PDB file of N, CA and C in Angstrom:
ATOM      1  N   UNK A   1     261.934 212.937 103.382  1.00  0.00           N
ATOM      2  CA  UNK A   1     261.747 212.008 104.441  1.00  0.00           C
ATOM      3  C   UNK A   1     263.060 210.965 104.644  1.00  0.00           C
ATOM      4  N   UNK A   2     263.367 210.639 105.810  1.00  0.00           N
ATOM      5  CA  UNK A   2     264.529 209.545 105.743  1.00  0.00           C
ATOM      6  C   UNK A   2     263.857 208.391 106.267  1.00  0.00           C
ATOM      7  N   UNK A   3     264.272 207.176 106.069  1.00  0.00           N
ATOM      8  CA  UNK A   3     263.860 205.930 106.575  1.00  0.00           C
ATOM      9  C   UNK A   3     264.752 205.536 107.623  1.00  0.00           C
ATOM     10  N   UNK A   4     264.207 204.930 108.686  1.00  0.00           N
ATOM     11  CA  UNK A   4     264.831 204.377 109.830  1.00  0.00           C
ATOM     12  C   UNK A   4     264.336 202.895 110.137  1.00  0.00           C
ATOM     13  N   UNK A   5     265.309 202.184 110.874  1.00  0.00           N
ATOM     14  CA  UNK A   5     264.780 200.703 111.264  1.00  0.00           C
ATOM     15  C   UNK A   5     265.137 200.846 112.779  1.00  0.00           C
ATOM     16  N   UNK A   6     264.392 200.418 113.742  1.00  0.00           N
ATOM     17  CA  UNK A   6     264.438 200.565 115.191  1.00  0.00           C
ATOM     18  C   UNK A   6     264.637 198.816 115.658  1.00  0.00           C
ATOM     19  N   UNK A   7     265.796 198.819 116.402  1.00  0.00           N
ATOM     20  CA  UNK A   7     266.048 197.302 116.737  1.00  0.00           C
ATOM     21  C   UNK A   7     266.198 197.329 118.195  1.00  0.00           C
ATOM     22  N   UNK A   8     266.329 196.224 118.980  1.00  0.00           N
ATOM     23  CA  UNK A   8     266.618 196.147 120.266  1.00  0.00           C
ATOM     24  C   UNK A   8     267.463 194.925 120.364  1.00  0.00           C
ATOM     25  N   UNK A   9     268.515 194.773 121.393  1.00  0.00           N
ATOM     26  CA  UNK A   9     269.051 193.487 121.728  1.00  0.00           C
ATOM     27  C   UNK A   9     268.891 192.744 122.847  1.00  0.00           C
ATOM     28  N   UNK A  10     267.445 193.320 123.425  1.00  0.00           N
ATOM     29  CA  UNK A  10     266.816 192.521 124.476  1.00  0.00           C
ATOM     30  C   UNK A  10     266.093 191.512 123.963  1.00  0.00           C
ATOM     31  N   UNK A  11     266.707 190.472 123.737  1.00  0.00           N
ATOM     32  CA  UNK A  11     265.903 189.413 123.285  1.00  0.00           C
ATOM     33  C   UNK A  11     266.830 188.120 123.053  1.00  0.00           C
ATOM     34  N   UNK A  12     266.185 187.087 122.941  1.00  0.00           N
ATOM     35  CA  UNK A  12     266.648 185.612 122.675  1.00  0.00           C
ATOM     36  C   UNK A  12     265.821 185.016 121.798  1.00  0.00           C
ATOM     37  N   UNK A  13     266.296 183.941 121.046  1.00  0.00           N
ATOM     38  CA  UNK A  13     265.784 183.206 119.982  1.00  0.00           C
ATOM     39  C   UNK A  13     266.185 181.896 119.993  1.00  0.00           C
ATOM     40  N   UNK A  14     265.494 180.819 119.379  1.00  0.00           N
ATOM     41  CA  UNK A  14     265.855 179.776 119.237  1.00  0.00           C
ATOM     42  C   UNK A  14     266.184 179.340 117.878  1.00  0.00           C
ATOM     43  N   UNK A  15     267.145 178.487 117.637  1.00  0.00           N
ATOM     44  CA  UNK A  15     267.596 178.180 116.174  1.00  0.00           C
ATOM     45  C   UNK A  15     266.447 177.354 115.496  1.00  0.00           C
ATOM     46  N   UNK A  16     266.304 177.436 114.254  1.00  0.00           N
ATOM     47  CA  UNK A  16     265.079 176.418 113.456  1.00  0.00           C
ATOM     48  C   UNK A  16     265.580 175.118 113.939  1.00  0.00           C
ATOM     49  N   UNK A  17     264.598 174.312 114.049  1.00  0.00           N
ATOM     50  CA  UNK A  17     264.681 172.907 114.380  1.00  0.00           C
ATOM     51  C   UNK A  17     265.635 172.479 115.738  1.00  0.00           C
ATOM     52  N   UNK A  18     265.686 173.422 116.619  1.00  0.00           N
ATOM     53  CA  UNK A  18     266.437 173.355 117.734  1.00  0.00           C
ATOM     54  C   UNK A  18     265.404 172.500 118.682  1.00  0.00           C
ATOM     55  N   UNK A  19     266.064 171.539 119.587  1.00  0.00           N
ATOM     56  CA  UNK A  19     265.120 170.814 120.508  1.00  0.00           C
ATOM     57  C   UNK A  19     265.648 171.181 121.913  1.00  0.00           C
ATOM     58  N   UNK A  20     266.718 172.111 122.223  1.00  0.00           N
ATOM     59  CA  UNK A  20     266.900 172.792 123.309  1.00  0.00           C
ATOM     60  C   UNK A  20     265.993 173.336 124.114  1.00  0.00           C
ATOM     61  N   UNK A  21     266.221 173.228 125.637  1.00  0.00           N
ATOM     62  CA  UNK A  21     265.170 173.761 126.420  1.00  0.00           C
ATOM     63  C   UNK A  21     265.529 174.950 126.823  1.00  0.00           C
ATOM     64  N   UNK A  22     266.844 175.489 126.549  1.00  0.00           N
ATOM     65  CA  UNK A  22     267.106 176.994 126.825  1.00  0.00           C
ATOM     66  C   UNK A  22     267.487 177.471 125.494  1.00  0.00           C
ATOM     67  N   UNK A  23     267.037 178.831 125.346  1.00  0.00           N
ATOM     68  CA  UNK A  23     267.442 179.479 124.242  1.00  0.00           C
ATOM     69  C   UNK A  23     268.792 179.394 123.834  1.00  0.00           C
ATOM     70  N   UNK A  24     269.092 179.202 122.566  1.00  0.00           N
ATOM     71  CA  UNK A  24     270.587 179.159 122.172  1.00  0.00           C
ATOM     72  C   UNK A  24     271.111 180.456 121.601  1.00  0.00           C
ATOM     73  N   UNK A  25     270.394 181.317 121.374  1.00  0.00           N
ATOM     74  CA  UNK A  25     271.068 182.582 120.627  1.00  0.00           C
ATOM     75  C   UNK A  25     270.552 183.718 121.294  1.00  0.00           C
ATOM     76  N   UNK A  26     271.536 184.814 121.655  1.00  0.00           N
ATOM     77  CA  UNK A  26     271.037 186.102 121.787  1.00  0.00           C
ATOM     78  C   UNK A  26     271.074 186.766 120.460  1.00  0.00           C
ATOM     79  N   UNK A  27     270.009 187.770 120.104  1.00  0.00           N
ATOM     80  CA  UNK A  27     269.984 188.373 118.920  1.00  0.00           C
ATOM     81  C   UNK A  27     269.340 189.906 118.972  1.00  0.00           C
ATOM     82  N   UNK A  28     269.182 190.411 118.022  1.00  0.00           N
ATOM     83  CA  UNK A  28     268.318 191.705 117.951  1.00  0.00           C
ATOM     84  C   UNK A  28     266.983 191.445 117.337  1.00  0.00           C
ATOM     85  N   UNK A  29     266.038 192.151 117.957  1.00  0.00           N
ATOM     86  CA  UNK A  29     264.652 192.281 117.531  1.00  0.00           C
ATOM     87  C   UNK A  29     264.249 193.505 116.895  1.00  0.00           C
ATOM     88  N   UNK A  30     263.673 193.175 115.617  1.00  0.00           N
ATOM     89  CA  UNK A  30     263.090 194.490 115.133  1.00  0.00           C
ATOM     90  C   UNK A  30     261.868 194.910 115.656  1.00  0.00           C
ATOM     91  N   UNK A  31     262.183 196.277 116.054  1.00  0.00           N
ATOM     92  CA  UNK A  31     260.703 196.767 116.858  1.00  0.00           C
ATOM     93  C   UNK A  31     260.142 197.483 115.670  1.00  0.00           C
ATOM     94  N   UNK A  32     260.497 198.096 114.676  1.00  0.00           N
ATOM     95  CA  UNK A  32     259.796 198.579 113.630  1.00  0.00           C
ATOM     96  C   UNK A  32     260.454 199.519 112.676  1.00  0.00           C
ATOM     97  N   UNK A  33     259.885 200.113 111.766  1.00  0.00           N
ATOM     98  CA  UNK A  33     260.250 200.903 110.858  1.00  0.00           C
ATOM     99  C   UNK A  33     259.533 202.284 110.998  1.00  0.00           C
ATOM    100  N   UNK A  34     260.301 203.479 110.627  1.00  0.00           N
ATOM    101  CA  UNK A  34     259.697 204.734 110.796  1.00  0.00           C
ATOM    102  C   UNK A  34     260.505 205.671 109.819  1.00  0.00           C
ATOM    103  N   UNK A  35     259.518 206.649 109.396  1.00  0.00           N
ATOM    104  CA  UNK A  35     260.103 207.860 108.518  1.00  0.00           C
ATOM    105  C   UNK A  35     259.803 208.989 109.278  1.00  0.00           C
ATOM    106  N   UNK A  36     260.842 209.962 108.923  1.00  0.00           N
ATOM    107  CA  UNK A  36     260.696 211.164 109.290  1.00  0.00           C
ATOM    108  C   UNK A  36     262.198 212.122 109.039  1.00  0.00           C
ATOM    109  N   UNK A  37     261.893 213.373 109.540  1.00  0.00           N
ATOM    110  CA  UNK A  37     262.987 214.207 108.951  1.00  0.00           C
ATOM    111  C   UNK A  37     264.233 213.826 110.105  1.00  0.00           C
ATOM    112  N   UNK A  38     264.033 213.598 111.228  1.00  0.00           N
ATOM    113  CA  UNK A  38     265.065 213.111 112.141  1.00  0.00           C
ATOM    114  C   UNK A  38     264.652 211.950 112.686  1.00  0.00           C
ATOM    115  N   UNK A  39     265.767 211.034 113.381  1.00  0.00           N
ATOM    116  CA  UNK A  39     265.531 209.820 113.927  1.00  0.00           C
ATOM    117  C   UNK A  39     264.584 209.866 115.024  1.00  0.00           C
ATOM    118  N   UNK A  40     264.626 210.959 115.960  1.00  0.00           N
ATOM    119  CA  UNK A  40     263.729 211.070 116.869  1.00  0.00           C
ATOM    120  C   UNK A  40     262.298 211.492 116.454  1.00  0.00           C
ATOM    121  N   UNK A  41     262.004 212.092 115.261  1.00  0.00           N
ATOM    122  CA  UNK A  41     260.682 212.150 114.812  1.00  0.00           C
ATOM    123  C   UNK A  41     260.139 210.953 114.267  1.00  0.00           C
ATOM    124  N   UNK A  42     261.028 210.089 113.720  1.00  0.00           N
ATOM    125  CA  UNK A  42     260.661 208.836 113.162  1.00  0.00           C
ATOM    126  C   UNK A  42     260.095 207.990 114.097  1.00  0.00           C
ATOM    127  N   UNK A  43     260.930 207.937 115.334  1.00  0.00           N
ATOM    128  CA  UNK A  43     260.555 207.025 116.484  1.00  0.00           C
ATOM    129  C   UNK A  43     259.229 207.375 117.226  1.00  0.00           C
ATOM    130  N   UNK A  44     259.269 208.675 117.502  1.00  0.00           N
ATOM    131  CA  UNK A  44     257.881 209.141 117.862  1.00  0.00           C
ATOM    132  C   UNK A  44     256.594 208.837 117.313  1.00  0.00           C
ATOM    133  N   UNK A  45     256.763 209.041 115.912  1.00  0.00           N
ATOM    134  CA  UNK A  45     255.690 208.738 114.873  1.00  0.00           C
ATOM    135  C   UNK A  45     255.496 207.451 115.068  1.00  0.00           C
ATOM    136  N   UNK A  46     256.525 206.367 114.918  1.00  0.00           N
ATOM    137  CA  UNK A  46     256.334 204.956 115.031  1.00  0.00           C
ATOM    138  C   UNK A  46     255.526 204.458 116.388  1.00  0.00           C
ATOM    139  N   UNK A  47     255.884 204.973 117.515  1.00  0.00           N
ATOM    140  CA  UNK A  47     255.309 204.560 118.789  1.00  0.00           C
ATOM    141  C   UNK A  47     253.925 205.301 118.727  1.00  0.00           C
ATOM    142  N   UNK A  48     253.647 206.492 118.223  1.00  0.00           N
ATOM    143  CA  UNK A  48     252.391 206.898 117.996  1.00  0.00           C
ATOM    144  C   UNK A  48     251.358 205.879 117.300  1.00  0.00           C
ATOM    145  N   UNK A  49     251.727 205.462 115.982  1.00  0.00           N
ATOM    146  CA  UNK A  49     251.300 204.615 115.100  1.00  0.00           C
ATOM    147  C   UNK A  49     250.965 203.299 115.659  1.00  0.00           C
ATOM    148  N   UNK A  50     252.024 202.803 116.362  1.00  0.00           N
ATOM    149  CA  UNK A  50     252.080 201.579 116.942  1.00  0.00           C
ATOM    150  C   UNK A  50     252.041 201.317 118.443  1.00  0.00           C
ATOM    151  N   UNK A  51     251.006 201.803 118.983  1.00  0.00           N
ATOM    152  CA  UNK A  51     251.019 202.059 120.504  1.00  0.00           C
ATOM    153  C   UNK A  51     251.045 200.648 121.257  1.00  0.00           C
ATOM    154  N   UNK A  52     250.810 199.511 120.819  1.00  0.00           N
ATOM    155  CA  UNK A  52     251.116 198.292 121.427  1.00  0.00           C
ATOM    156  C   UNK A  52     252.669 198.313 121.689  1.00  0.00           C
ATOM    157  N   UNK A  53     253.409 198.957 121.247  1.00  0.00           N
ATOM    158  CA  UNK A  53     254.881 198.850 121.540  1.00  0.00           C
ATOM    159  C   UNK A  53     255.242 199.353 123.069  1.00  0.00           C
ATOM    160  N   UNK A  54     254.537 200.262 123.420  1.00  0.00           N
ATOM    161  CA  UNK A  54     254.722 200.789 124.771  1.00  0.00           C
ATOM    162  C   UNK A  54     254.142 199.835 125.731  1.00  0.00           C
ATOM    163  N   UNK A  55     253.519 198.918 125.422  1.00  0.00           N
ATOM    164  CA  UNK A  55     252.936 197.664 126.438  1.00  0.00           C
ATOM    165  C   UNK A  55     254.086 196.435 126.430  1.00  0.00           C
ATOM    166  N   UNK A  56     255.160 196.559 125.698  1.00  0.00           N
ATOM    167  CA  UNK A  56     255.900 195.418 125.520  1.00  0.00           C
ATOM    168  C   UNK A  56     256.858 195.604 126.794  1.00  0.00           C
ATOM    169  N   UNK A  57     257.665 194.759 126.961  1.00  0.00           N
ATOM    170  CA  UNK A  57     258.965 194.790 128.087  1.00  0.00           C
ATOM    171  C   UNK A  57     260.117 195.329 127.352  1.00  0.00           C
ATOM    172  N   UNK A  58     260.113 195.439 126.113  1.00  0.00           N
ATOM    173  CA  UNK A  58     261.557 196.232 125.562  1.00  0.00           C
ATOM    174  C   UNK A  58     261.701 197.581 126.123  1.00  0.00           C
ATOM    175  N   UNK A  59     262.859 198.049 126.360  1.00  0.00           N
ATOM    176  CA  UNK A  59     263.151 199.411 126.954  1.00  0.00           C
ATOM    177  C   UNK A  59     264.104 199.948 126.014  1.00  0.00           C
ATOM    178  N   UNK A  60     265.218 199.578 125.914  1.00  0.00           N
ATOM    179  CA  UNK A  60     266.474 200.036 124.893  1.00  0.00           C
ATOM    180  C   UNK A  60     266.096 199.711 123.473  1.00  0.00           C
ATOM    181  N   UNK A  61     265.874 201.025 122.996  1.00  0.00           N
ATOM    182  CA  UNK A  61     265.899 200.725 121.349  1.00  0.00           C
ATOM    183  C   UNK A  61     266.852 201.486 120.541  1.00  0.00           C
ATOM    184  N   UNK A  62     267.423 201.002 119.541  1.00  0.00           N
ATOM    185  CA  UNK A  62     268.470 201.364 118.879  1.00  0.00           C
ATOM    186  C   UNK A  62     267.736 202.078 117.426  1.00  0.00           C
ATOM    187  N   UNK A  63     268.174 203.147 116.954  1.00  0.00           N
ATOM    188  CA  UNK A  63     267.761 203.750 115.845  1.00  0.00           C
ATOM    189  C   UNK A  63     268.767 203.616 114.805  1.00  0.00           C
ATOM    190  N   UNK A  64     268.588 203.123 113.356  1.00  0.00           N
ATOM    191  CA  UNK A  64     269.447 203.132 112.412  1.00  0.00           C
ATOM    192  C   UNK A  64     268.994 203.892 111.203  1.00  0.00           C
ATOM    193  N   UNK A  65     269.620 204.708 110.522  1.00  0.00           N
ATOM    194  CA  UNK A  65     269.190 205.090 109.296  1.00  0.00           C
ATOM    195  C   UNK A  65     269.473 204.111 108.193  1.00  0.00           C
ATOM    196  N   UNK A  66     268.477 203.959 107.355  1.00  0.00           N
ATOM    197  CA  UNK A  66     268.490 203.262 106.176  1.00  0.00           C
ATOM    198  C   UNK A  66     268.969 204.154 104.967  1.00  0.00           C
ATOM    199  N   UNK A  67     270.174 204.025 104.514  1.00  0.00           N
ATOM    200  CA  UNK A  67     270.572 204.725 103.412  1.00  0.00           C
ATOM    201  C   UNK A  67     269.782 204.679 102.067  1.00  0.00           C
ATOM    202  N   UNK A  68     269.435 203.286 101.829  1.00  0.00           N
ATOM    203  CA  UNK A  68     268.596 203.108 100.837  1.00  0.00           C
ATOM    204  C   UNK A  68     267.689 201.819 100.992  1.00  0.00           C
ATOM    205  N   UNK A  69     266.681 201.426 100.215  1.00  0.00           N
ATOM    206  CA  UNK A  69     265.946 200.368 100.462  1.00  0.00           C
ATOM    207  C   UNK A  69     266.358 199.203  99.560  1.00  0.00           C
ATOM    208  N   UNK A  70     267.300 199.114  99.105  1.00  0.00           N
ATOM    209  CA  UNK A  70     268.012 197.916  98.291  1.00  0.00           C
ATOM    210  C   UNK A  70     268.188 196.880  99.211  1.00  0.00           C
ATOM    211  N   UNK A  71     267.636 195.680  98.831  1.00  0.00           N
ATOM    212  CA  UNK A  71     267.910 194.433  99.956  1.00  0.00           C
ATOM    213  C   UNK A  71     268.489 193.333  99.013  1.00  0.00           C
ATOM    214  N   UNK A  72     269.349 192.528  99.549  1.00  0.00           N
ATOM    215  CA  UNK A  72     269.985 191.237  99.026  1.00  0.00           C
ATOM    216  C   UNK A  72     269.697 190.259 100.128  1.00  0.00           C
ATOM    217  N   UNK A  73     269.301 189.036  99.614  1.00  0.00           N
ATOM    218  CA  UNK A  73     269.227 188.048 100.485  1.00  0.00           C
ATOM    219  C   UNK A  73     270.376 186.985 100.435  1.00  0.00           C
ATOM    220  N   UNK A  74     270.995 186.433 101.612  1.00  0.00           N
ATOM    221  CA  UNK A  74     272.135 185.451 101.707  1.00  0.00           C
ATOM    222  C   UNK A  74     271.467 184.314 102.421  1.00  0.00           C
ATOM    223  N   UNK A  75     272.150 183.042 102.207  1.00  0.00           N
ATOM    224  CA  UNK A  75     271.709 181.756 102.805  1.00  0.00           C
ATOM    225  C   UNK A  75     272.700 181.199 103.439  1.00  0.00           C
ATOM    226  N   UNK A  76     272.915 181.222 104.648  1.00  0.00           N
ATOM    227  CA  UNK A  76     273.916 180.449 105.287  1.00  0.00           C
ATOM    228  C   UNK A  76     274.323 179.204 104.749  1.00  0.00           C
ATOM    229  N   UNK A  77     273.324 178.447 104.481  1.00  0.00           N
ATOM    230  CA  UNK A  77     273.650 177.025 104.003  1.00  0.00           C
ATOM    231  C   UNK A  77     274.427 177.001 102.572  1.00  0.00           C
ATOM    232  N   UNK A  78     274.275 178.199 101.857  1.00  0.00           N
ATOM    233  CA  UNK A  78     275.239 178.150 100.527  1.00  0.00           C
ATOM    234  C   UNK A  78     276.625 178.324 101.059  1.00  0.00           C
ATOM    235  N   UNK A  79     276.893 178.888 102.187  1.00  0.00           N
ATOM    236  CA  UNK A  79     278.333 179.203 102.630  1.00  0.00           C
ATOM    237  C   UNK A  79     278.859 178.064 103.516  1.00  0.00           C
ATOM    238  N   UNK A  80     278.183 177.142 104.215  1.00  0.00           N
ATOM    239  CA  UNK A  80     278.577 176.225 105.145  1.00  0.00           C
ATOM    240  C   UNK A  80     279.695 175.088 104.383  1.00  0.00           C
ATOM    241  N   UNK A  81     279.579 174.634 103.077  1.00  0.00           N
ATOM    242  CA  UNK A  81     280.251 173.894 102.642  1.00  0.00           C
ATOM    243  C   UNK A  81     281.627 174.663 102.451  1.00  0.00           C
ATOM    244  N   UNK A  82     281.543 175.872 101.831  1.00  0.00           N
ATOM    245  CA  UNK A  82     282.632 176.787 101.440  1.00  0.00           C
ATOM    246  C   UNK A  82     283.748 177.019 102.447  1.00  0.00           C
ATOM    247  N   UNK A  83     283.027 177.172 103.646  1.00  0.00           N
ATOM    248  CA  UNK A  83     283.780 177.675 104.748  1.00  0.00           C
ATOM    249  C   UNK A  83     284.177 176.758 105.750  1.00  0.00           C
ATOM    250  N   UNK A  84     283.639 175.349 105.731  1.00  0.00           N
ATOM    251  CA  UNK A  84     283.842 174.461 106.707  1.00  0.00           C
ATOM    252  C   UNK A  84     285.093 173.631 106.588  1.00  0.00           C
TER     253      UNK A  84
END
């Protein structure tokens, strides 16, 4: 079985500690994760298991295969002094 992440770019967000009345950033939203032999199989399995997704206003979903489940965290504050 392969692992996939499903995202959409139909969304906006606020920065932490922002006091702006308008959203400040476009971003991608994680719709969910799935497993399957193919990306289509994983997507269909995910929406069957997470039926609420069909009630959202999201439409365009992008599927990406995850080559491994290794993760690493980065903190932008660690780079702000170095790159400013």
